[in-house]
Amino acid sequence: MMRRPLAPPALSGPRFNEFIQSQKVRVIDENGENLGVMYTREAMEQAREVGLDLVEVSPNADPPVAKFLDVGKFKYEAQKKANLARKSQKTQEIKEIKMRPNIDDHDYDTKMKKVVEFIEEGDKVKVTMRFRGRELSHGQLGMAVLQRVAEQTAEIAKVEAHPRMEGRQMLMVLAPK
């Protein structure tokens, strides 16, 4: 039985040392000094003399740019930077506020405070007007309430989806400006 040689593991991150495929690279030393364009082998030897690796930092340049760096430290810092970017990213959620066409003023004010709070946090708000029984035949009452919501939030939000009927509900979506 003949064994096939194992393929080298897939390289994650930037290419370094023997994995750099181009013959010539533009070299930057550990202090940020540009050493110019030189052969990859020669650059690797110089990096080893300093006790560092030759890391390809800009593979799409012509010729590719390589730096004298510690590969482990470089990958660790890149991972930390990616984690920080992911952590500081805000995902926009859709919050829902449910109302009825014959809503009382105090209840309306309470719901509006939540709508304003959600919009100021950067979230979209889906305002749902629910109709029950004979209320369904008075759609204009629900439309009036939703128009009032849109007018009161006009300064901080824009109407992304205008009021429309879906079964026994009327929906409107507000997004932060």
N, C-alpha and C. Protein backbone atom coordinates (compact mmCIF):
# COMPACT_ATOMS: atom_id res chain seq x y z
N MET A 1 0.84 -1.18 0.00
CA MET A 1 0.00 0.00 0.00
C MET A 1 0.88 1.25 0.00
N MET A 2 0.62 2.15 -0.96
CA MET A 2 1.43 3.35 -1.08
C MET A 2 0.77 4.52 -0.34
N ARG A 3 1.55 5.23 0.44
CA ARG A 3 1.02 6.37 1.20
C ARG A 3 1.29 7.67 0.46
N ARG A 4 0.28 8.51 0.48
CA ARG A 4 0.45 9.84 -0.11
C ARG A 4 1.06 10.77 0.92
N PRO A 5 1.91 11.67 0.49
CA PRO A 5 2.47 12.63 1.46
C PRO A 5 1.36 13.56 1.95
N LEU A 6 1.43 13.91 3.21
CA LEU A 6 0.42 14.80 3.78
C LEU A 6 0.61 16.22 3.27
N ALA A 7 -0.50 16.86 2.97
CA ALA A 7 -0.45 18.26 2.54
C ALA A 7 -0.14 19.12 3.75
N PRO A 8 0.60 20.20 3.55
CA PRO A 8 0.88 21.07 4.69
C PRO A 8 -0.42 21.72 5.18
N PRO A 9 -0.51 22.01 6.46
CA PRO A 9 -1.74 22.61 6.98
C PRO A 9 -1.99 23.97 6.33
N ALA A 10 -3.25 24.31 6.20
CA ALA A 10 -3.61 25.60 5.59
C ALA A 10 -3.07 26.72 6.47
N LEU A 11 -2.45 27.70 5.84
CA LEU A 11 -1.83 28.80 6.56
C LEU A 11 -2.89 29.85 6.87
N SER A 12 -3.05 30.14 8.14
CA SER A 12 -4.00 31.18 8.51
C SER A 12 -3.21 32.45 8.83
N GLY A 13 -3.73 33.57 8.40
CA GLY A 13 -3.05 34.83 8.66
C GLY A 13 -2.05 35.15 7.57
N PRO A 14 -1.12 36.06 7.83
CA PRO A 14 -0.17 36.50 6.81
C PRO A 14 0.90 35.43 6.53
N ARG A 15 1.43 35.47 5.32
CA ARG A 15 2.52 34.54 4.98
C ARG A 15 3.80 35.05 5.63
N PHE A 16 4.67 34.11 6.02
CA PHE A 16 5.94 34.50 6.65
C PHE A 16 7.02 33.51 6.28
N ASN A 17 8.27 33.95 6.38
CA ASN A 17 9.47 33.15 6.09
C ASN A 17 9.34 32.34 4.80
N GLU A 18 9.39 31.00 4.89
CA GLU A 18 9.40 30.14 3.69
C GLU A 18 8.08 30.18 2.93
N PHE A 19 6.99 30.63 3.55
CA PHE A 19 5.69 30.63 2.89
C PHE A 19 5.50 31.82 1.94
N ILE A 20 6.42 32.79 1.98
CA ILE A 20 6.34 33.93 1.06
C ILE A 20 6.68 33.42 -0.33
N GLN A 21 5.79 33.66 -1.30
CA GLN A 21 5.93 33.04 -2.61
C GLN A 21 6.68 33.89 -3.64
N SER A 22 6.75 35.19 -3.45
CA SER A 22 7.42 36.02 -4.46
C SER A 22 8.93 35.97 -4.26
N GLN A 23 9.67 36.21 -5.36
CA GLN A 23 11.13 36.13 -5.29
C GLN A 23 11.72 37.38 -4.65
N LYS A 24 11.11 38.53 -4.92
CA LYS A 24 11.62 39.79 -4.36
C LYS A 24 10.54 40.43 -3.49
N VAL A 25 10.97 41.09 -2.42
CA VAL A 25 10.06 41.81 -1.54
C VAL A 25 10.67 43.16 -1.17
N ARG A 26 9.79 44.11 -0.87
CA ARG A 26 10.25 45.39 -0.31
C ARG A 26 10.32 45.17 1.19
N VAL A 27 11.48 45.43 1.78
CA VAL A 27 11.73 45.07 3.17
C VAL A 27 11.72 46.29 4.08
N ILE A 28 11.03 46.14 5.22
CA ILE A 28 11.01 47.16 6.26
C ILE A 28 11.52 46.49 7.53
N ASP A 29 12.54 47.09 8.16
CA ASP A 29 13.13 46.44 9.34
C ASP A 29 12.30 46.68 10.59
N GLU A 30 12.78 46.17 11.75
CA GLU A 30 12.02 46.24 12.99
C GLU A 30 11.80 47.66 13.50
N ASN A 31 12.62 48.63 13.03
CA ASN A 31 12.48 50.03 13.46
C ASN A 31 11.63 50.85 12.50
N GLY A 32 11.11 50.21 11.44
CA GLY A 32 10.29 50.92 10.46
C GLY A 32 11.08 51.53 9.33
N GLU A 33 12.39 51.23 9.24
CA GLU A 33 13.24 51.76 8.17
C GLU A 33 13.03 50.94 6.91
N ASN A 34 12.93 51.61 5.78
CA ASN A 34 12.78 50.94 4.49
C ASN A 34 14.15 50.51 4.00
N LEU A 35 14.37 49.21 3.88
CA LEU A 35 15.66 48.68 3.41
C LEU A 35 15.68 48.50 1.90
N GLY A 36 14.55 48.72 1.23
CA GLY A 36 14.48 48.62 -0.22
C GLY A 36 14.04 47.23 -0.67
N VAL A 37 14.13 47.02 -2.00
CA VAL A 37 13.70 45.75 -2.59
C VAL A 37 14.89 44.79 -2.58
N MET A 38 14.66 43.56 -2.10
CA MET A 38 15.72 42.55 -2.11
C MET A 38 15.11 41.17 -2.27
N TYR A 39 15.96 40.20 -2.54
CA TYR A 39 15.49 38.83 -2.70
C TYR A 39 14.95 38.32 -1.37
N THR A 40 13.92 37.45 -1.44
CA THR A 40 13.26 36.95 -0.25
C THR A 40 14.22 36.17 0.64
N ARG A 41 15.07 35.34 0.04
CA ARG A 41 16.03 34.54 0.81
C ARG A 41 16.97 35.45 1.62
N GLU A 42 17.47 36.48 0.95
CA GLU A 42 18.39 37.42 1.59
C GLU A 42 17.69 38.14 2.76
N ALA A 43 16.44 38.54 2.54
CA ALA A 43 15.67 39.22 3.58
C ALA A 43 15.41 38.30 4.76
N MET A 44 15.12 37.00 4.48
CA MET A 44 14.89 36.04 5.57
C MET A 44 16.15 35.87 6.42
N GLU A 45 17.31 35.83 5.77
CA GLU A 45 18.57 35.69 6.51
C GLU A 45 18.80 36.89 7.42
N GLN A 46 18.53 38.09 6.90
CA GLN A 46 18.70 39.30 7.71
C GLN A 46 17.73 39.30 8.90
N ALA A 47 16.51 38.82 8.68
CA ALA A 47 15.52 38.77 9.76
C ALA A 47 15.96 37.79 10.84
N ARG A 48 16.51 36.64 10.42
CA ARG A 48 16.97 35.64 11.39
C ARG A 48 18.13 36.17 12.21
N GLU A 49 19.02 36.98 11.59
CA GLU A 49 20.15 37.56 12.31
C GLU A 49 19.67 38.45 13.45
N VAL A 50 18.54 39.13 13.21
CA VAL A 50 17.98 40.02 14.23
C VAL A 50 17.14 39.23 15.24
N GLY A 51 16.78 37.98 14.88
CA GLY A 51 16.00 37.14 15.76
C GLY A 51 14.50 37.28 15.54
N LEU A 52 14.12 37.71 14.34
CA LEU A 52 12.71 37.89 14.02
C LEU A 52 12.35 37.11 12.76
N ASP A 53 11.08 37.15 12.38
CA ASP A 53 10.60 36.50 11.17
C ASP A 53 10.37 37.56 10.10
N LEU A 54 10.38 37.12 8.85
CA LEU A 54 10.02 38.00 7.73
C LEU A 54 8.54 37.77 7.45
N VAL A 55 7.72 38.79 7.70
CA VAL A 55 6.26 38.67 7.58
C VAL A 55 5.77 39.54 6.44
N GLU A 56 4.99 38.94 5.55
CA GLU A 56 4.41 39.67 4.41
C GLU A 56 3.21 40.48 4.92
N VAL A 57 3.34 41.82 4.94
CA VAL A 57 2.26 42.65 5.47
C VAL A 57 1.36 43.22 4.38
N SER A 58 1.87 43.33 3.17
CA SER A 58 1.06 43.83 2.06
C SER A 58 1.32 42.96 0.83
N PRO A 59 0.60 41.83 0.72
CA PRO A 59 0.89 40.88 -0.37
C PRO A 59 0.46 41.36 -1.75
N ASN A 60 -0.45 42.34 -1.83
CA ASN A 60 -0.95 42.78 -3.13
C ASN A 60 -0.12 43.88 -3.77
N ALA A 61 0.86 44.41 -3.04
CA ALA A 61 1.72 45.45 -3.59
C ALA A 61 2.67 44.84 -4.61
N ASP A 62 3.30 45.68 -5.41
CA ASP A 62 4.26 45.18 -6.40
C ASP A 62 5.58 45.89 -6.20
N PRO A 63 6.61 45.28 -5.67
CA PRO A 63 6.67 43.95 -5.06
C PRO A 63 6.00 43.94 -3.69
N PRO A 64 5.66 42.74 -3.16
CA PRO A 64 5.01 42.66 -1.85
C PRO A 64 5.88 43.28 -0.75
N VAL A 65 5.23 43.85 0.27
CA VAL A 65 5.95 44.47 1.37
C VAL A 65 6.06 43.46 2.51
N ALA A 66 7.28 43.30 3.04
CA ALA A 66 7.50 42.38 4.15
C ALA A 66 8.24 43.11 5.26
N LYS A 67 7.93 42.73 6.50
CA LYS A 67 8.52 43.39 7.67
C LYS A 67 9.22 42.37 8.55
N PHE A 68 10.20 42.85 9.32
CA PHE A 68 10.83 42.01 10.33
C PHE A 68 9.94 42.09 11.57
N LEU A 69 9.26 40.98 11.90
CA LEU A 69 8.34 40.94 13.05
C LEU A 69 8.41 39.58 13.73
N ASP A 70 7.85 39.52 14.94
CA ASP A 70 7.62 38.25 15.60
C ASP A 70 6.23 37.79 15.17
N VAL A 71 6.12 36.67 14.46
CA VAL A 71 4.85 36.23 13.88
C VAL A 71 3.79 35.99 14.95
N GLY A 72 4.15 35.33 16.04
CA GLY A 72 3.19 35.04 17.11
C GLY A 72 2.60 36.32 17.68
N LYS A 73 3.46 37.29 17.94
CA LYS A 73 3.02 38.57 18.50
C LYS A 73 2.13 39.31 17.50
N PHE A 74 2.51 39.25 16.22
CA PHE A 74 1.75 39.93 15.16
C PHE A 74 0.34 39.35 15.06
N LYS A 75 0.23 38.00 15.07
CA LYS A 75 -1.08 37.35 14.99
C LYS A 75 -1.92 37.66 16.22
N TYR A 76 -1.28 37.66 17.40
CA TYR A 76 -1.99 37.94 18.65
C TYR A 76 -2.57 39.36 18.63
N GLU A 77 -1.77 40.34 18.20
CA GLU A 77 -2.25 41.73 18.17
C GLU A 77 -3.35 41.90 17.13
N ALA A 78 -3.25 41.21 15.99
CA ALA A 78 -4.30 41.29 14.97
C ALA A 78 -5.60 40.70 15.50
N GLN A 79 -5.50 39.60 16.26
CA GLN A 79 -6.69 38.98 16.84
C GLN A 79 -7.32 39.89 17.88
N LYS A 80 -6.50 40.54 18.71
CA LYS A 80 -7.01 41.48 19.71
C LYS A 80 -7.73 42.65 19.04
N LYS A 81 -7.16 43.15 17.95
CA LYS A 81 -7.77 44.27 17.23
C LYS A 81 -9.12 43.86 16.63
N ALA A 82 -9.19 42.65 16.09
CA ALA A 82 -10.44 42.15 15.51
C ALA A 82 -11.50 41.96 16.59
N ASN A 83 -11.10 41.45 17.77
CA ASN A 83 -12.05 41.27 18.88
C ASN A 83 -12.58 42.61 19.37
N LEU A 84 -11.70 43.61 19.45
CA LEU A 84 -12.12 44.94 19.89
C LEU A 84 -13.10 45.56 18.90
N ALA A 85 -12.84 45.37 17.60
CA ALA A 85 -13.74 45.90 16.57
C ALA A 85 -15.11 45.22 16.66
N ARG A 86 -15.11 43.92 16.90
CA ARG A 86 -16.37 43.18 17.00
C ARG A 86 -17.13 43.61 18.25
N LYS A 87 -16.40 43.87 19.34
CA LYS A 87 -17.03 44.24 20.60
C LYS A 87 -17.68 45.62 20.52
N SER A 88 -17.03 46.55 19.82
CA SER A 88 -17.55 47.92 19.75
C SER A 88 -18.62 48.09 18.67
N GLN A 89 -18.93 47.03 17.96
CA GLN A 89 -19.92 47.09 16.89
C GLN A 89 -21.33 47.05 17.48
N LYS A 90 -22.20 47.94 17.01
CA LYS A 90 -23.58 47.98 17.51
C LYS A 90 -24.49 47.35 16.48
N THR A 91 -25.20 46.30 16.89
CA THR A 91 -26.16 45.69 15.99
C THR A 91 -27.50 46.38 16.19
N GLN A 92 -28.16 46.68 15.10
CA GLN A 92 -29.43 47.38 15.18
C GLN A 92 -30.56 46.36 15.32
N GLU A 93 -31.34 46.52 16.37
CA GLU A 93 -32.44 45.61 16.61
C GLU A 93 -33.75 46.29 16.24
N ILE A 94 -34.79 45.47 16.06
CA ILE A 94 -36.12 46.01 15.83
C ILE A 94 -36.93 45.77 17.08
N LYS A 95 -37.31 46.86 17.76
CA LYS A 95 -38.13 46.77 18.96
C LYS A 95 -39.59 46.98 18.53
N GLU A 96 -40.50 46.36 19.25
CA GLU A 96 -41.91 46.46 18.87
C GLU A 96 -42.71 47.09 19.98
N ILE A 97 -43.57 48.04 19.60
CA ILE A 97 -44.51 48.68 20.52
C ILE A 97 -45.90 48.38 20.00
N LYS A 98 -46.77 47.83 20.88
CA LYS A 98 -48.13 47.48 20.46
C LYS A 98 -49.11 48.48 21.05
N MET A 99 -50.03 48.92 20.22
CA MET A 99 -51.05 49.89 20.64
C MET A 99 -52.42 49.41 20.16
N ARG A 100 -53.45 50.11 20.65
CA ARG A 100 -54.83 49.87 20.22
C ARG A 100 -55.37 51.18 19.68
N PRO A 101 -56.36 51.17 18.79
CA PRO A 101 -56.86 52.42 18.21
C PRO A 101 -57.50 53.36 19.23
N ASN A 102 -58.12 52.84 20.28
CA ASN A 102 -58.75 53.71 21.27
C ASN A 102 -57.88 53.84 22.52
N ILE A 103 -56.56 54.05 22.31
CA ILE A 103 -55.61 54.14 23.42
C ILE A 103 -55.83 55.44 24.19
N ASP A 104 -55.71 55.37 25.51
CA ASP A 104 -55.88 56.54 26.37
C ASP A 104 -54.63 57.42 26.30
N ASP A 105 -54.77 58.70 26.64
CA ASP A 105 -53.64 59.64 26.54
C ASP A 105 -52.45 59.22 27.40
N HIS A 106 -52.68 58.82 28.63
CA HIS A 106 -51.58 58.45 29.51
C HIS A 106 -50.85 57.21 28.99
N ASP A 107 -51.61 56.21 28.53
CA ASP A 107 -51.00 55.01 27.96
C ASP A 107 -50.18 55.36 26.72
N TYR A 108 -50.74 56.26 25.91
CA TYR A 108 -50.06 56.70 24.69
C TYR A 108 -48.74 57.37 25.06
N ASP A 109 -48.76 58.26 26.05
CA ASP A 109 -47.53 58.97 26.47
C ASP A 109 -46.47 57.98 26.97
N THR A 110 -46.90 56.98 27.72
CA THR A 110 -45.96 55.97 28.24
C THR A 110 -45.32 55.20 27.08
N LYS A 111 -46.13 54.81 26.11
CA LYS A 111 -45.60 54.07 24.95
C LYS A 111 -44.66 54.97 24.14
N MET A 112 -45.00 56.25 24.02
CA MET A 112 -44.16 57.18 23.26
C MET A 112 -42.80 57.37 23.93
N LYS A 113 -42.75 57.37 25.26
CA LYS A 113 -41.46 57.48 25.96
C LYS A 113 -40.57 56.30 25.59
N LYS A 114 -41.15 55.10 25.52
CA LYS A 114 -40.37 53.92 25.14
C LYS A 114 -39.91 54.01 23.69
N VAL A 115 -40.79 54.50 22.80
CA VAL A 115 -40.43 54.64 21.39
C VAL A 115 -39.22 55.57 21.27
N VAL A 116 -39.28 56.73 21.94
CA VAL A 116 -38.18 57.70 21.89
C VAL A 116 -36.90 57.09 22.46
N GLU A 117 -37.02 56.35 23.57
CA GLU A 117 -35.86 55.71 24.19
C GLU A 117 -35.20 54.71 23.23
N PHE A 118 -36.01 53.89 22.58
CA PHE A 118 -35.47 52.90 21.65
C PHE A 118 -34.76 53.58 20.48
N ILE A 119 -35.36 54.63 19.95
CA ILE A 119 -34.78 55.32 18.80
C ILE A 119 -33.46 55.98 19.19
N GLU A 120 -33.42 56.57 20.39
CA GLU A 120 -32.18 57.21 20.84
C GLU A 120 -31.07 56.20 21.08
N GLU A 121 -31.42 54.96 21.39
CA GLU A 121 -30.42 53.90 21.54
C GLU A 121 -29.93 53.40 20.19
N GLY A 122 -30.57 53.84 19.09
CA GLY A 122 -30.15 53.44 17.76
C GLY A 122 -30.90 52.26 17.19
N ASP A 123 -32.00 51.87 17.82
CA ASP A 123 -32.77 50.73 17.34
C ASP A 123 -33.94 51.19 16.48
N LYS A 124 -34.38 50.31 15.59
CA LYS A 124 -35.59 50.58 14.81
C LYS A 124 -36.79 50.22 15.69
N VAL A 125 -37.92 50.86 15.44
CA VAL A 125 -39.13 50.59 16.22
C VAL A 125 -40.26 50.24 15.27
N LYS A 126 -40.89 49.09 15.55
CA LYS A 126 -42.05 48.65 14.78
C LYS A 126 -43.28 48.94 15.64
N VAL A 127 -44.10 49.87 15.18
CA VAL A 127 -45.31 50.23 15.92
C VAL A 127 -46.46 49.42 15.34
N THR A 128 -47.09 48.60 16.18
CA THR A 128 -48.16 47.72 15.75
C THR A 128 -49.49 48.19 16.34
N MET A 129 -50.45 48.45 15.48
CA MET A 129 -51.78 48.83 15.91
C MET A 129 -52.66 47.59 15.78
N ARG A 130 -53.18 47.07 16.90
CA ARG A 130 -53.99 45.84 16.86
C ARG A 130 -55.48 46.19 16.92
N PHE A 131 -56.23 45.57 16.04
CA PHE A 131 -57.67 45.79 15.98
C PHE A 131 -58.39 44.53 16.46
N ARG A 132 -59.45 44.72 17.26
CA ARG A 132 -60.26 43.59 17.71
C ARG A 132 -61.72 43.86 17.38
N GLY A 133 -62.42 42.85 16.96
CA GLY A 133 -63.86 42.95 16.73
C GLY A 133 -64.24 44.04 15.76
N ARG A 134 -65.15 44.92 16.20
CA ARG A 134 -65.66 45.98 15.32
C ARG A 134 -64.66 47.09 15.07
N GLU A 135 -63.57 47.13 15.85
CA GLU A 135 -62.54 48.16 15.62
C GLU A 135 -61.98 48.07 14.21
N LEU A 136 -62.00 46.88 13.63
CA LEU A 136 -61.44 46.65 12.31
C LEU A 136 -62.12 47.51 11.25
N SER A 137 -63.39 47.81 11.45
CA SER A 137 -64.11 48.62 10.45
C SER A 137 -63.79 50.10 10.61
N HIS A 138 -63.04 50.48 11.67
CA HIS A 138 -62.66 51.88 11.88
C HIS A 138 -61.15 52.03 11.77
N GLY A 139 -60.60 51.65 10.64
CA GLY A 139 -59.16 51.71 10.40
C GLY A 139 -58.60 53.11 10.47
N GLN A 140 -59.46 54.12 10.19
CA GLN A 140 -58.98 55.50 10.20
C GLN A 140 -58.56 55.94 11.61
N LEU A 141 -59.15 55.35 12.66
CA LEU A 141 -58.75 55.69 14.03
C LEU A 141 -57.31 55.22 14.29
N GLY A 142 -57.02 54.01 13.87
CA GLY A 142 -55.66 53.48 14.01
C GLY A 142 -54.67 54.28 13.19
N MET A 143 -55.06 54.63 11.97
CA MET A 143 -54.19 55.43 11.09
C MET A 143 -53.89 56.78 11.73
N ALA A 144 -54.89 57.39 12.39
CA ALA A 144 -54.69 58.69 13.04
C ALA A 144 -53.67 58.58 14.17
N VAL A 145 -53.75 57.49 14.94
CA VAL A 145 -52.80 57.30 16.05
C VAL A 145 -51.38 57.12 15.50
N LEU A 146 -51.25 56.33 14.44
CA LEU A 146 -49.92 56.11 13.86
C LEU A 146 -49.37 57.39 13.24
N GLN A 147 -50.22 58.20 12.63
CA GLN A 147 -49.77 59.49 12.08
C GLN A 147 -49.27 60.39 13.21
N ARG A 148 -49.98 60.35 14.35
CA ARG A 148 -49.58 61.13 15.51
C ARG A 148 -48.20 60.69 16.02
N VAL A 149 -47.96 59.37 16.03
CA VAL A 149 -46.65 58.84 16.43
C VAL A 149 -45.57 59.36 15.48
N ALA A 150 -45.83 59.29 14.18
CA ALA A 150 -44.86 59.73 13.17
C ALA A 150 -44.55 61.22 13.33
N GLU A 151 -45.57 62.03 13.59
CA GLU A 151 -45.36 63.48 13.76
C GLU A 151 -44.54 63.78 15.01
N GLN A 152 -44.82 63.07 16.11
CA GLN A 152 -44.10 63.34 17.36
C GLN A 152 -42.64 62.90 17.31
N THR A 153 -42.33 61.90 16.48
CA THR A 153 -40.94 61.41 16.40
C THR A 153 -40.23 61.94 15.16
N ALA A 154 -40.82 62.90 14.46
CA ALA A 154 -40.26 63.38 13.18
C ALA A 154 -38.85 63.94 13.33
N GLU A 155 -38.54 64.55 14.49
CA GLU A 155 -37.22 65.17 14.67
C GLU A 155 -36.12 64.13 14.86
N ILE A 156 -36.44 62.99 15.46
CA ILE A 156 -35.38 62.00 15.76
C ILE A 156 -35.46 60.75 14.90
N ALA A 157 -36.58 60.56 14.19
CA ALA A 157 -36.74 59.32 13.41
C ALA A 157 -37.41 59.61 12.08
N LYS A 158 -37.17 58.70 11.15
CA LYS A 158 -37.86 58.78 9.85
C LYS A 158 -38.72 57.53 9.70
N VAL A 159 -39.81 57.69 8.97
CA VAL A 159 -40.71 56.56 8.75
C VAL A 159 -40.10 55.69 7.66
N GLU A 160 -39.69 54.48 8.03
CA GLU A 160 -39.07 53.58 7.06
C GLU A 160 -40.12 52.79 6.29
N ALA A 161 -41.17 52.37 7.00
CA ALA A 161 -42.27 51.66 6.35
C ALA A 161 -43.56 52.35 6.78
N HIS A 162 -44.25 52.95 5.83
CA HIS A 162 -45.48 53.67 6.13
C HIS A 162 -46.56 52.70 6.60
N PRO A 163 -47.57 53.21 7.35
CA PRO A 163 -48.60 52.32 7.90
C PRO A 163 -49.30 51.50 6.82
N ARG A 164 -49.43 50.19 7.09
CA ARG A 164 -50.12 49.30 6.16
C ARG A 164 -50.82 48.21 6.96
N MET A 165 -51.90 47.70 6.42
CA MET A 165 -52.67 46.66 7.10
C MET A 165 -52.08 45.28 6.79
N GLU A 166 -52.00 44.44 7.81
CA GLU A 166 -51.63 43.03 7.67
C GLU A 166 -52.59 42.25 8.54
N GLY A 167 -53.64 41.75 7.94
CA GLY A 167 -54.65 41.02 8.70
C GLY A 167 -55.39 41.94 9.64
N ARG A 168 -55.32 41.66 10.94
CA ARG A 168 -55.99 42.49 11.95
C ARG A 168 -55.05 43.50 12.57
N GLN A 169 -53.88 43.73 11.95
CA GLN A 169 -52.91 44.66 12.49
C GLN A 169 -52.53 45.70 11.44
N MET A 170 -52.16 46.88 11.92
CA MET A 170 -51.62 47.93 11.06
C MET A 170 -50.19 48.17 11.55
N LEU A 171 -49.22 48.10 10.64
CA LEU A 171 -47.80 48.20 11.01
C LEU A 171 -47.14 49.45 10.45
N MET A 172 -46.20 49.98 11.21
CA MET A 172 -45.38 51.10 10.75
C MET A 172 -43.99 50.91 11.37
N VAL A 173 -42.93 51.18 10.59
CA VAL A 173 -41.57 51.01 11.11
C VAL A 173 -40.88 52.37 11.11
N LEU A 174 -40.27 52.73 12.25
CA LEU A 174 -39.51 53.97 12.41
C LEU A 174 -38.03 53.62 12.55
N ALA A 175 -37.18 54.41 11.91
CA ALA A 175 -35.73 54.20 12.02
C ALA A 175 -35.08 55.49 12.48
N PRO A 176 -34.00 55.40 13.25
CA PRO A 176 -33.31 56.63 13.70
C PRO A 176 -32.78 57.42 12.51
N LYS A 177 -32.78 58.75 12.63
CA LYS A 177 -32.26 59.61 11.55
C LYS A 177 -30.76 59.55 11.53
